[in-house]
Amino acid sequence: MIVAEKIKEYRRNNHLTQEEFGRLLGVSPQAISKWEREECYPDITFLPSIAELLKCSVNDFFIT
C-alpha cells in the first residue's frame, strides 16, 4: 500500500525517527513501525496531523 511507503519516506526525509514521530503524534514507536510495515494503518483521523508534521498533503499519501 502506498500510504505505508509514503509515511516512511516522508518521515525519513524530515529526519525523524519512529520514536520522535510517534511522540509528536501521541502514539508509540511500535505503532509507527506497524504502519510502515503495513501490519495496520493509522486511523483516518490521524492523516491531517501526519501530513502537517511531514510537511505534505494528505493527498500525497495516495499518489504514486
N, C-alpha and C. Protein backbone atom coordinates (compact mmCIF):
# COMPACT_ATOMS: atom_id res chain seq x y z
N MET A 1 0.85 -1.19 0.00
CA MET A 1 0.00 0.00 0.00
C MET A 1 0.88 1.24 0.00
N ILE A 2 0.49 2.20 -0.75
CA ILE A 2 1.30 3.40 -0.90
C ILE A 2 1.36 4.24 0.37
N VAL A 3 0.33 4.22 1.20
CA VAL A 3 0.32 5.03 2.42
C VAL A 3 1.52 4.68 3.30
N ALA A 4 1.76 3.41 3.50
CA ALA A 4 2.87 2.96 4.34
C ALA A 4 4.21 3.44 3.79
N GLU A 5 4.39 3.28 2.49
CA GLU A 5 5.64 3.70 1.85
C GLU A 5 5.85 5.20 1.98
N LYS A 6 4.78 5.95 1.78
CA LYS A 6 4.88 7.42 1.85
C LYS A 6 5.17 7.90 3.26
N ILE A 7 4.51 7.31 4.25
CA ILE A 7 4.78 7.72 5.64
C ILE A 7 6.27 7.52 5.95
N LYS A 8 6.79 6.36 5.59
CA LYS A 8 8.20 6.07 5.85
C LYS A 8 9.11 7.03 5.10
N GLU A 9 8.83 7.25 3.83
CA GLU A 9 9.64 8.14 3.00
C GLU A 9 9.65 9.56 3.55
N TYR A 10 8.46 10.11 3.81
CA TYR A 10 8.38 11.48 4.30
C TYR A 10 8.97 11.61 5.71
N ARG A 11 8.78 10.60 6.55
CA ARG A 11 9.35 10.65 7.91
C ARG A 11 10.87 10.73 7.81
N ARG A 12 11.44 9.89 6.98
CA ARG A 12 12.91 9.90 6.82
C ARG A 12 13.40 11.19 6.20
N ASN A 13 12.67 11.71 5.21
CA ASN A 13 13.05 12.98 4.58
C ASN A 13 13.03 14.14 5.57
N ASN A 14 12.21 14.02 6.60
CA ASN A 14 12.13 15.05 7.64
C ASN A 14 13.05 14.74 8.82
N HIS A 15 13.91 13.73 8.66
CA HIS A 15 14.91 13.37 9.67
C HIS A 15 14.29 13.06 11.02
N LEU A 16 13.17 12.32 11.00
CA LEU A 16 12.50 11.92 12.24
C LEU A 16 12.64 10.42 12.43
N THR A 17 12.98 10.03 13.65
CA THR A 17 12.97 8.61 13.96
C THR A 17 11.52 8.19 14.20
N GLN A 18 11.29 6.89 14.23
CA GLN A 18 9.94 6.41 14.56
C GLN A 18 9.54 6.87 15.95
N GLU A 19 10.49 6.88 16.86
CA GLU A 19 10.22 7.33 18.23
C GLU A 19 9.82 8.81 18.26
N GLU A 20 10.59 9.66 17.58
CA GLU A 20 10.28 11.09 17.56
C GLU A 20 8.92 11.36 16.91
N PHE A 21 8.70 10.70 15.80
CA PHE A 21 7.45 10.88 15.06
C PHE A 21 6.25 10.42 15.90
N GLY A 22 6.40 9.28 16.54
CA GLY A 22 5.34 8.77 17.41
C GLY A 22 5.04 9.71 18.55
N ARG A 23 6.08 10.26 19.17
CA ARG A 23 5.89 11.19 20.28
C ARG A 23 5.13 12.43 19.81
N LEU A 24 5.46 12.94 18.64
CA LEU A 24 4.77 14.12 18.11
C LEU A 24 3.30 13.85 17.82
N LEU A 25 3.00 12.61 17.45
CA LEU A 25 1.61 12.24 17.14
C LEU A 25 0.84 11.72 18.35
N GLY A 26 1.59 11.38 19.40
CA GLY A 26 0.94 10.82 20.58
C GLY A 26 0.65 9.33 20.46
N VAL A 27 1.49 8.65 19.66
CA VAL A 27 1.38 7.19 19.52
C VAL A 27 2.75 6.57 19.78
N SER A 28 2.77 5.28 19.95
CA SER A 28 4.03 4.60 20.25
C SER A 28 4.88 4.43 18.99
N PRO A 29 6.19 4.28 19.18
CA PRO A 29 7.05 3.99 18.03
C PRO A 29 6.66 2.66 17.38
N GLN A 30 6.13 1.74 18.19
CA GLN A 30 5.68 0.46 17.64
C GLN A 30 4.52 0.66 16.67
N ALA A 31 3.64 1.62 16.97
CA ALA A 31 2.53 1.91 16.06
C ALA A 31 3.07 2.43 14.73
N ILE A 32 4.05 3.32 14.79
CA ILE A 32 4.65 3.86 13.56
C ILE A 32 5.27 2.72 12.76
N SER A 33 5.99 1.85 13.44
CA SER A 33 6.62 0.71 12.78
C SER A 33 5.57 -0.17 12.09
N LYS A 34 4.47 -0.43 12.76
CA LYS A 34 3.40 -1.25 12.18
C LYS A 34 2.79 -0.57 10.96
N TRP A 35 2.62 0.75 11.03
CA TRP A 35 2.09 1.47 9.86
C TRP A 35 3.03 1.31 8.68
N GLU A 36 4.32 1.46 8.94
CA GLU A 36 5.31 1.43 7.86
C GLU A 36 5.51 0.02 7.30
N ARG A 37 5.19 -0.99 8.08
CA ARG A 37 5.30 -2.38 7.62
C ARG A 37 3.96 -2.93 7.11
N GLU A 38 2.95 -2.06 7.07
CA GLU A 38 1.62 -2.42 6.60
C GLU A 38 0.95 -3.50 7.45
N GLU A 39 1.33 -3.59 8.73
CA GLU A 39 0.65 -4.51 9.64
C GLU A 39 -0.69 -3.94 10.06
N CYS A 40 -0.77 -2.63 10.08
CA CYS A 40 -2.02 -1.92 10.33
C CYS A 40 -1.83 -0.52 9.75
N TYR A 41 -2.89 0.25 9.77
CA TYR A 41 -2.85 1.58 9.18
C TYR A 41 -3.29 2.61 10.20
N PRO A 42 -2.80 3.83 10.07
CA PRO A 42 -3.23 4.87 11.01
C PRO A 42 -4.72 5.14 10.84
N ASP A 43 -5.36 5.48 11.92
CA ASP A 43 -6.75 5.89 11.86
C ASP A 43 -6.84 7.09 10.92
N ILE A 44 -7.86 7.13 10.12
CA ILE A 44 -8.01 8.20 9.13
C ILE A 44 -7.97 9.58 9.76
N THR A 45 -8.38 9.69 11.00
CA THR A 45 -8.36 10.99 11.68
C THR A 45 -6.95 11.49 11.94
N PHE A 46 -5.95 10.59 11.88
CA PHE A 46 -4.55 10.98 12.07
C PHE A 46 -3.94 11.59 10.80
N LEU A 47 -4.52 11.32 9.64
CA LEU A 47 -3.88 11.73 8.39
C LEU A 47 -3.60 13.23 8.29
N PRO A 48 -4.51 14.11 8.68
CA PRO A 48 -4.16 15.54 8.62
C PRO A 48 -2.97 15.90 9.52
N SER A 49 -2.89 15.32 10.71
CA SER A 49 -1.77 15.59 11.62
C SER A 49 -0.48 15.02 11.06
N ILE A 50 -0.55 13.83 10.50
CA ILE A 50 0.63 13.20 9.89
C ILE A 50 1.13 14.08 8.75
N ALA A 51 0.21 14.51 7.89
CA ALA A 51 0.60 15.35 6.75
C ALA A 51 1.22 16.66 7.22
N GLU A 52 0.65 17.27 8.23
CA GLU A 52 1.19 18.53 8.74
C GLU A 52 2.60 18.34 9.29
N LEU A 53 2.80 17.30 10.08
CA LEU A 53 4.13 17.05 10.65
C LEU A 53 5.17 16.73 9.58
N LEU A 54 4.72 16.06 8.51
CA LEU A 54 5.65 15.65 7.46
C LEU A 54 5.73 16.65 6.32
N LYS A 55 5.04 17.78 6.49
CA LYS A 55 5.09 18.88 5.52
C LYS A 55 4.66 18.42 4.12
N CYS A 56 3.51 17.75 4.08
CA CYS A 56 2.97 17.30 2.81
C CYS A 56 1.45 17.39 2.87
N SER A 57 0.81 16.98 1.83
CA SER A 57 -0.65 16.97 1.76
C SER A 57 -1.17 15.57 2.04
N VAL A 58 -2.37 15.46 2.56
CA VAL A 58 -2.98 14.14 2.77
C VAL A 58 -3.04 13.40 1.43
N ASN A 59 -3.31 14.13 0.35
CA ASN A 59 -3.37 13.51 -0.98
C ASN A 59 -2.06 12.86 -1.38
N ASP A 60 -0.94 13.37 -0.88
CA ASP A 60 0.37 12.82 -1.22
C ASP A 60 0.49 11.36 -0.82
N PHE A 61 -0.25 10.94 0.20
CA PHE A 61 -0.17 9.56 0.66
C PHE A 61 -0.80 8.58 -0.32
N PHE A 62 -1.61 9.09 -1.25
CA PHE A 62 -2.34 8.23 -2.15
C PHE A 62 -1.92 8.37 -3.61
N ILE A 63 -0.97 9.24 -3.88
CA ILE A 63 -0.50 9.48 -5.24
C ILE A 63 0.82 8.75 -5.46
N THR A 64 0.91 8.04 -6.57
CA THR A 64 2.15 7.30 -6.86
C THR A 64 3.15 8.16 -7.56
